[in-house]
N, C-alpha and C. Protein backbone atom coordinates (compact mmCIF):
# COMPACT_ATOMS: atom_id res chain seq x y z
N MET A 1 -16.44 29.84 -28.48
CA MET A 1 -15.68 29.91 -27.29
C MET A 1 -14.64 31.08 -27.61
N ALA A 2 -14.58 32.05 -26.77
CA ALA A 2 -13.50 32.97 -26.80
C ALA A 2 -12.20 32.57 -26.22
N SER A 3 -11.16 32.67 -26.79
CA SER A 3 -9.83 32.17 -26.35
C SER A 3 -8.86 33.31 -26.55
N HIS A 4 -8.09 33.49 -25.41
CA HIS A 4 -7.14 34.43 -25.27
C HIS A 4 -5.81 34.05 -24.48
N LEU A 5 -4.71 34.84 -24.70
CA LEU A 5 -3.64 34.55 -23.98
C LEU A 5 -3.60 35.68 -22.82
N PHE A 6 -3.37 35.28 -21.72
CA PHE A 6 -3.39 36.10 -20.43
C PHE A 6 -2.07 35.93 -19.79
N LYS A 7 -1.60 37.12 -19.34
CA LYS A 7 -0.40 37.19 -18.42
C LYS A 7 -0.95 37.19 -17.10
N ARG A 8 -0.14 36.71 -16.14
CA ARG A 8 -0.63 36.78 -14.81
C ARG A 8 -1.20 38.03 -14.21
N ASN A 9 -0.60 39.19 -14.60
CA ASN A 9 -1.11 40.49 -14.19
C ASN A 9 -2.29 40.97 -14.70
N GLU A 10 -2.89 40.23 -15.94
CA GLU A 10 -4.03 40.51 -16.68
C GLU A 10 -5.21 39.74 -16.06
N ILE A 11 -5.21 39.07 -14.98
CA ILE A 11 -6.14 38.22 -14.51
C ILE A 11 -7.39 38.78 -14.09
N THR A 12 -7.24 40.08 -13.72
CA THR A 12 -8.35 40.90 -13.16
C THR A 12 -9.27 41.41 -14.50
N LYS A 13 -8.68 41.55 -15.55
CA LYS A 13 -9.26 41.78 -16.74
C LYS A 13 -10.29 40.73 -17.08
N LEU A 14 -9.77 39.48 -17.00
CA LEU A 14 -10.52 38.30 -17.28
C LEU A 14 -11.56 38.06 -16.37
N ALA A 15 -11.35 38.34 -15.17
CA ALA A 15 -12.38 38.22 -14.11
C ALA A 15 -13.63 39.18 -14.35
N LYS A 16 -13.34 40.40 -14.74
CA LYS A 16 -14.34 41.33 -15.13
C LYS A 16 -15.14 40.92 -16.33
N LYS A 17 -14.50 40.27 -17.37
CA LYS A 17 -15.29 39.90 -18.49
C LYS A 17 -16.16 38.73 -18.23
N ILE A 18 -15.57 37.90 -17.47
CA ILE A 18 -16.43 36.61 -17.03
C ILE A 18 -17.57 37.09 -16.09
N LEU A 19 -17.42 38.04 -15.28
CA LEU A 19 -18.63 38.52 -14.37
C LEU A 19 -19.50 39.25 -15.23
N ALA A 20 -19.09 39.95 -16.17
CA ALA A 20 -20.07 40.80 -17.07
C ALA A 20 -20.98 39.91 -17.74
N MET A 21 -20.69 38.69 -17.90
CA MET A 21 -21.63 37.65 -18.48
C MET A 21 -22.71 37.22 -17.52
N GLN A 22 -22.61 37.76 -16.29
CA GLN A 22 -23.68 37.49 -15.29
C GLN A 22 -23.93 35.92 -15.02
N PRO A 23 -22.79 35.18 -14.69
CA PRO A 23 -23.02 33.78 -14.49
C PRO A 23 -23.54 33.41 -13.15
N ASP A 24 -24.31 32.29 -12.99
CA ASP A 24 -24.64 31.70 -11.74
C ASP A 24 -23.72 30.71 -11.39
N ILE A 25 -22.96 30.05 -12.29
CA ILE A 25 -22.04 28.96 -12.04
C ILE A 25 -20.82 29.39 -13.05
N ILE A 26 -19.63 29.27 -12.40
CA ILE A 26 -18.42 29.27 -13.33
C ILE A 26 -17.72 27.92 -13.06
N ALA A 27 -17.76 27.23 -14.26
CA ALA A 27 -17.11 25.89 -14.22
C ALA A 27 -15.68 25.88 -14.82
N MET A 28 -14.73 25.59 -14.10
CA MET A 28 -13.22 25.79 -14.44
C MET A 28 -12.66 24.31 -14.73
N GLU A 29 -11.81 24.29 -15.73
CA GLU A 29 -11.01 23.04 -16.01
C GLU A 29 -9.59 23.46 -16.37
N GLY A 30 -8.70 22.72 -15.93
CA GLY A 30 -7.29 23.08 -16.31
C GLY A 30 -6.41 22.14 -15.51
N PRO A 31 -5.17 21.90 -16.01
CA PRO A 31 -4.17 21.15 -15.23
C PRO A 31 -3.71 21.77 -13.83
N LEU A 32 -3.24 20.87 -13.17
CA LEU A 32 -2.72 21.20 -11.57
C LEU A 32 -1.82 22.53 -11.70
N GLY A 33 -2.17 23.59 -11.00
CA GLY A 33 -1.33 24.76 -11.13
C GLY A 33 -1.45 25.71 -12.10
N ALA A 34 -2.40 25.54 -12.94
CA ALA A 34 -2.75 26.36 -14.24
C ALA A 34 -3.26 27.79 -13.80
N GLY A 35 -3.89 27.89 -12.74
CA GLY A 35 -4.45 29.23 -12.31
C GLY A 35 -5.91 29.19 -11.99
N LYS A 36 -6.54 28.15 -11.73
CA LYS A 36 -8.06 28.00 -11.46
C LYS A 36 -8.24 28.78 -10.00
N THR A 37 -7.46 28.51 -9.18
CA THR A 37 -7.73 29.25 -7.76
C THR A 37 -7.27 30.70 -8.05
N THR A 38 -6.21 31.04 -8.70
CA THR A 38 -5.87 32.38 -9.02
C THR A 38 -7.10 33.11 -9.60
N LEU A 39 -7.63 32.55 -10.52
CA LEU A 39 -8.79 33.20 -11.29
C LEU A 39 -9.93 33.46 -10.24
N THR A 40 -10.20 32.39 -9.40
CA THR A 40 -11.16 32.49 -8.42
C THR A 40 -10.86 33.56 -7.38
N LYS A 41 -9.67 33.84 -6.99
CA LYS A 41 -9.41 34.91 -6.32
C LYS A 41 -9.56 36.30 -6.74
N ALA A 42 -9.21 36.33 -8.20
CA ALA A 42 -9.41 37.68 -8.89
C ALA A 42 -11.00 37.78 -8.97
N ILE A 43 -11.87 36.86 -9.14
CA ILE A 43 -13.23 37.15 -9.32
C ILE A 43 -13.81 37.52 -7.92
N ALA A 44 -13.22 36.98 -6.82
CA ALA A 44 -13.66 37.23 -5.39
C ALA A 44 -13.38 38.68 -5.09
N LYS A 45 -12.21 39.20 -5.61
CA LYS A 45 -11.85 40.64 -5.36
C LYS A 45 -12.82 41.44 -6.06
N GLU A 46 -13.19 41.05 -7.35
CA GLU A 46 -14.00 41.86 -8.13
C GLU A 46 -15.45 42.03 -7.48
N LEU A 47 -15.81 40.88 -6.74
CA LEU A 47 -17.05 40.93 -5.97
C LEU A 47 -16.87 41.60 -4.56
N GLU A 48 -15.81 42.09 -4.43
CA GLU A 48 -15.47 42.82 -3.07
C GLU A 48 -15.52 41.95 -1.93
N ILE A 49 -15.23 40.73 -2.11
CA ILE A 49 -15.06 39.63 -0.93
C ILE A 49 -13.82 39.81 -0.21
N LYS A 50 -13.85 40.20 1.05
CA LYS A 50 -12.55 40.50 1.85
C LYS A 50 -11.97 39.42 2.26
N ASP A 51 -12.67 38.21 2.38
CA ASP A 51 -12.00 37.02 2.94
C ASP A 51 -10.73 36.50 2.13
N MET A 52 -9.89 35.84 2.86
CA MET A 52 -8.86 35.16 2.02
C MET A 52 -9.35 33.82 1.30
N ILE A 53 -9.20 33.90 0.10
CA ILE A 53 -9.71 32.85 -0.79
C ILE A 53 -8.63 31.60 -0.67
N VAL A 54 -9.03 30.58 -0.34
CA VAL A 54 -8.19 29.44 -0.20
C VAL A 54 -8.78 28.33 -0.88
N SER A 55 -8.07 27.45 -1.64
CA SER A 55 -8.61 26.28 -2.43
C SER A 55 -9.16 25.31 -1.52
N PRO A 56 -10.43 24.87 -1.64
CA PRO A 56 -11.08 23.93 -0.83
C PRO A 56 -10.76 22.37 -1.25
N THR A 57 -9.52 22.19 -1.67
CA THR A 57 -9.19 20.87 -2.11
C THR A 57 -9.50 19.74 -1.28
N PHE A 58 -9.26 19.76 0.04
CA PHE A 58 -9.40 18.74 0.88
C PHE A 58 -10.81 18.75 1.53
N ILE A 59 -11.51 19.82 1.48
CA ILE A 59 -12.74 19.86 2.22
C ILE A 59 -13.79 20.02 1.20
N LEU A 60 -13.52 20.23 -0.01
CA LEU A 60 -14.39 20.29 -1.19
C LEU A 60 -15.22 21.57 -1.36
N HIS A 61 -15.43 22.24 -0.34
CA HIS A 61 -16.35 23.52 -0.52
C HIS A 61 -15.90 24.48 0.72
N ARG A 62 -15.89 25.62 0.14
CA ARG A 62 -15.78 26.92 1.13
C ARG A 62 -16.80 27.88 0.72
N ASP A 63 -17.34 28.49 1.76
CA ASP A 63 -18.48 29.44 1.62
C ASP A 63 -17.97 30.85 1.91
N TYR A 64 -18.15 31.68 1.07
CA TYR A 64 -17.74 33.18 1.38
C TYR A 64 -19.10 34.05 1.13
N PRO A 65 -19.05 35.27 1.46
CA PRO A 65 -20.11 36.18 1.25
C PRO A 65 -20.29 36.31 -0.11
N GLY A 66 -21.48 35.74 -0.78
CA GLY A 66 -21.71 35.88 -2.09
C GLY A 66 -21.06 34.99 -3.08
N LEU A 67 -20.33 34.05 -2.54
CA LEU A 67 -19.61 32.94 -3.43
C LEU A 67 -19.49 31.69 -2.64
N ASP A 68 -19.90 30.54 -3.43
CA ASP A 68 -19.55 29.29 -2.98
C ASP A 68 -18.40 28.77 -3.80
N HIS A 69 -17.38 28.12 -3.25
CA HIS A 69 -16.24 27.71 -4.07
C HIS A 69 -16.07 26.23 -3.87
N ILE A 70 -16.14 25.49 -4.89
CA ILE A 70 -16.09 24.05 -4.74
C ILE A 70 -14.93 23.66 -5.59
N ASP A 71 -14.21 22.59 -5.04
CA ASP A 71 -13.05 22.03 -5.76
C ASP A 71 -13.33 20.51 -5.90
N ALA A 72 -13.58 20.09 -7.01
CA ALA A 72 -14.10 18.74 -7.27
C ALA A 72 -12.84 17.71 -7.46
N TRP A 73 -11.61 18.15 -7.41
CA TRP A 73 -10.45 17.25 -7.73
C TRP A 73 -10.58 16.02 -6.97
N ARG A 74 -10.98 16.06 -5.55
CA ARG A 74 -10.94 14.69 -4.79
C ARG A 74 -12.29 13.96 -5.01
N ALA A 75 -13.33 14.58 -5.49
CA ALA A 75 -14.62 14.03 -5.65
C ALA A 75 -14.62 12.95 -6.67
N GLU A 76 -15.18 11.67 -6.21
CA GLU A 76 -15.16 10.49 -7.17
C GLU A 76 -16.44 10.41 -7.84
N ASP A 77 -17.60 11.14 -7.25
CA ASP A 77 -18.76 10.96 -7.80
C ASP A 77 -19.58 12.32 -7.63
N PHE A 78 -20.39 12.58 -8.73
CA PHE A 78 -21.10 13.94 -8.59
C PHE A 78 -22.00 14.02 -7.32
N SER A 79 -22.36 12.86 -6.88
CA SER A 79 -23.27 12.83 -5.61
C SER A 79 -22.50 13.66 -4.43
N GLU A 80 -21.30 13.48 -4.52
CA GLU A 80 -20.30 14.13 -3.36
C GLU A 80 -20.65 15.77 -3.48
N ILE A 81 -20.68 16.22 -4.72
CA ILE A 81 -20.84 17.57 -4.79
C ILE A 81 -22.30 17.99 -4.61
N LYS A 82 -23.36 17.11 -4.97
CA LYS A 82 -24.72 17.39 -4.64
C LYS A 82 -24.85 17.33 -3.04
N ASN A 83 -24.27 16.45 -2.32
CA ASN A 83 -24.30 16.40 -0.91
C ASN A 83 -23.71 17.50 -0.21
N LEU A 84 -22.91 18.34 -0.88
CA LEU A 84 -22.42 19.54 -0.14
C LEU A 84 -23.56 20.58 -0.03
N GLY A 85 -24.58 20.19 -0.59
CA GLY A 85 -25.77 21.18 -0.53
C GLY A 85 -25.82 21.99 -1.88
N LEU A 86 -25.55 21.51 -2.97
CA LEU A 86 -25.43 22.31 -4.22
C LEU A 86 -26.84 22.85 -4.45
N ALA A 87 -28.00 22.22 -4.27
CA ALA A 87 -29.19 22.76 -4.44
C ALA A 87 -29.51 24.03 -3.60
N LYS A 88 -28.99 23.95 -2.31
CA LYS A 88 -29.12 25.18 -1.48
C LYS A 88 -28.19 26.26 -1.95
N MET A 89 -27.03 25.93 -2.36
CA MET A 89 -26.22 26.91 -2.83
C MET A 89 -26.79 27.66 -4.02
N ILE A 90 -27.37 26.95 -4.98
CA ILE A 90 -28.14 27.49 -6.10
C ILE A 90 -29.23 28.34 -5.69
N ALA A 91 -29.89 27.86 -4.89
CA ALA A 91 -31.13 28.73 -4.37
C ALA A 91 -30.69 30.03 -3.57
N LYS A 92 -29.55 30.04 -2.97
CA LYS A 92 -29.04 31.21 -2.34
C LYS A 92 -28.78 32.37 -3.47
N LYS A 93 -28.57 31.98 -4.59
CA LYS A 93 -28.39 32.97 -5.71
C LYS A 93 -26.86 33.59 -5.58
N HIS A 94 -25.90 32.78 -4.80
CA HIS A 94 -24.60 33.13 -4.78
C HIS A 94 -23.89 32.62 -6.07
N LEU A 95 -22.82 33.31 -6.41
CA LEU A 95 -22.03 32.83 -7.50
C LEU A 95 -21.38 31.52 -6.99
N ILE A 96 -21.45 30.40 -7.88
CA ILE A 96 -20.73 29.15 -7.69
C ILE A 96 -19.58 28.95 -8.54
N ILE A 97 -18.44 28.72 -7.96
CA ILE A 97 -17.22 28.33 -8.89
C ILE A 97 -16.92 27.00 -8.58
N ILE A 98 -16.79 26.11 -9.61
CA ILE A 98 -16.47 24.73 -9.49
C ILE A 98 -15.18 24.64 -10.26
N GLU A 99 -14.10 24.13 -9.48
CA GLU A 99 -12.79 23.98 -10.10
C GLU A 99 -12.75 22.41 -10.29
N TRP A 100 -12.09 21.98 -11.46
CA TRP A 100 -12.03 20.66 -11.92
C TRP A 100 -13.36 20.17 -12.36
N ALA A 101 -14.07 21.14 -12.99
CA ALA A 101 -15.52 20.88 -13.32
C ALA A 101 -15.57 19.74 -14.52
N ASP A 102 -14.41 19.51 -15.13
CA ASP A 102 -14.53 18.62 -16.33
C ASP A 102 -14.56 17.20 -15.82
N LYS A 103 -14.37 16.95 -14.51
CA LYS A 103 -14.64 15.58 -13.90
C LYS A 103 -16.10 15.23 -14.00
N PHE A 104 -17.01 16.15 -13.91
CA PHE A 104 -18.32 16.02 -13.95
C PHE A 104 -19.13 16.95 -15.01
N GLU A 105 -18.44 16.92 -16.21
CA GLU A 105 -18.92 17.85 -17.31
C GLU A 105 -20.34 17.67 -17.71
N PHE A 106 -20.76 16.34 -17.79
CA PHE A 106 -22.15 16.01 -18.04
C PHE A 106 -23.11 16.64 -17.03
N GLU A 107 -22.96 16.37 -15.85
CA GLU A 107 -23.69 16.84 -14.86
C GLU A 107 -23.80 18.34 -14.75
N ILE A 108 -22.61 18.95 -14.76
CA ILE A 108 -22.62 20.47 -14.67
C ILE A 108 -23.26 21.05 -15.89
N ARG A 109 -23.02 20.56 -16.95
CA ARG A 109 -23.62 21.34 -18.33
C ARG A 109 -25.15 20.95 -18.00
N ASN A 110 -25.68 20.04 -17.39
CA ASN A 110 -27.02 19.90 -17.28
C ASN A 110 -27.60 20.77 -16.28
N LEU A 111 -26.77 21.51 -15.45
CA LEU A 111 -27.24 22.54 -14.59
C LEU A 111 -27.67 23.82 -15.32
N LYS A 112 -27.22 23.91 -16.47
CA LYS A 112 -27.57 25.01 -17.26
C LYS A 112 -28.95 25.31 -17.56
N LEU A 113 -29.75 24.15 -17.31
CA LEU A 113 -31.26 24.33 -17.59
C LEU A 113 -31.97 25.42 -16.80
N GLU A 114 -31.42 25.62 -15.66
CA GLU A 114 -31.92 26.80 -14.74
C GLU A 114 -30.89 27.77 -14.42
N ASN A 115 -29.62 27.71 -14.77
CA ASN A 115 -28.62 28.56 -14.33
C ASN A 115 -27.79 29.03 -15.55
N ARG A 116 -27.17 30.11 -15.48
CA ARG A 116 -26.32 30.56 -16.52
C ARG A 116 -25.00 29.94 -16.06
N VAL A 117 -24.29 29.08 -17.01
CA VAL A 117 -23.06 28.49 -16.72
C VAL A 117 -22.10 29.02 -17.69
N ILE A 118 -20.92 29.51 -17.23
CA ILE A 118 -19.77 30.03 -17.96
C ILE A 118 -18.78 28.74 -17.76
N TRP A 119 -18.26 28.17 -18.80
CA TRP A 119 -17.19 27.22 -18.85
C TRP A 119 -15.74 27.79 -19.15
N VAL A 120 -14.92 27.72 -18.24
CA VAL A 120 -13.68 28.28 -18.45
C VAL A 120 -12.57 27.26 -18.59
N LYS A 121 -11.69 27.23 -19.58
CA LYS A 121 -10.64 26.34 -19.68
C LYS A 121 -9.28 27.03 -19.71
N ILE A 122 -8.32 26.71 -18.70
CA ILE A 122 -7.18 27.35 -18.58
C ILE A 122 -6.09 26.29 -19.01
N GLU A 123 -5.24 26.71 -19.77
CA GLU A 123 -4.18 25.76 -20.30
C GLU A 123 -2.80 26.58 -20.13
N TYR A 124 -1.71 25.86 -20.03
CA TYR A 124 -0.46 26.52 -19.99
C TYR A 124 -0.13 26.98 -21.40
N ALA A 125 0.56 28.04 -21.39
CA ALA A 125 1.00 28.69 -22.92
C ALA A 125 2.52 28.52 -22.83
N GLU A 126 2.96 28.98 -23.96
CA GLU A 126 4.52 28.81 -24.13
C GLU A 126 5.34 29.53 -23.05
N LYS A 127 4.86 30.67 -22.67
CA LYS A 127 5.69 31.48 -21.65
C LYS A 127 5.16 31.16 -20.34
N GLU A 128 6.08 31.04 -19.33
CA GLU A 128 5.73 30.62 -18.04
C GLU A 128 4.71 31.48 -17.39
N ASN A 129 4.74 32.72 -17.55
CA ASN A 129 3.77 33.59 -16.82
C ASN A 129 2.44 33.86 -17.86
N GLU A 130 2.31 33.08 -18.77
CA GLU A 130 1.14 33.27 -19.60
C GLU A 130 0.21 31.94 -19.62
N ARG A 131 -1.04 32.17 -19.86
CA ARG A 131 -2.02 31.14 -19.81
C ARG A 131 -2.90 31.32 -21.09
N SER A 132 -3.23 30.22 -21.78
CA SER A 132 -4.26 30.26 -22.77
C SER A 132 -5.59 29.93 -21.96
N ILE A 133 -6.49 30.96 -22.13
CA ILE A 133 -7.77 30.78 -21.40
C ILE A 133 -8.94 30.97 -22.45
N SER A 134 -9.79 30.19 -22.45
CA SER A 134 -11.08 30.17 -23.24
C SER A 134 -12.12 30.03 -22.34
N TYR A 135 -13.29 30.75 -22.71
CA TYR A 135 -14.43 30.78 -21.90
C TYR A 135 -15.64 30.91 -22.79
N GLU A 136 -16.74 30.20 -22.50
CA GLU A 136 -17.98 30.28 -23.07
C GLU A 136 -19.19 30.28 -22.29
N ASP A 137 -20.23 30.87 -22.64
CA ASP A 137 -21.47 30.80 -21.94
C ASP A 137 -22.18 29.69 -22.68
N ILE A 138 -22.34 28.56 -21.71
CA ILE A 138 -22.87 27.49 -22.27
C ILE A 138 -24.51 27.54 -22.05
N GLY A 139 -24.94 28.74 -21.64
CA GLY A 139 -26.39 29.01 -21.60
C GLY A 139 -27.06 28.83 -20.19
N SER A 140 -28.38 29.02 -20.40
CA SER A 140 -29.14 29.00 -19.13
C SER A 140 -30.55 28.39 -19.75
């Protein structure tokens, strides 16, 4: 697992590194306010998505051109994520980003059987504008 300190203004560099790994699914974990949605916005920008990226905390899923954005924070069971149409999202071959993925780590790690899953962990660092971010390709 690669781990780096990133300043807020370096998030684009991280987005490019993650996208270079050609993920089907990006699973993110980290505490509230750590930057999961900020990273999602940077990834969307790199994908040239013009829509405003907004966290889907209360609706669980937002669909953008080429990107499905899921926020599992409110979900109590993985079936809620599946019922959003996860199989159809995977079949579309859009990039899928799942925030709060650690809630359903077992189930998401099992998605790697047919999909390249990149696991991203964001943590607060010592300085306010820095984050310790680790990421790994958990395979396909």
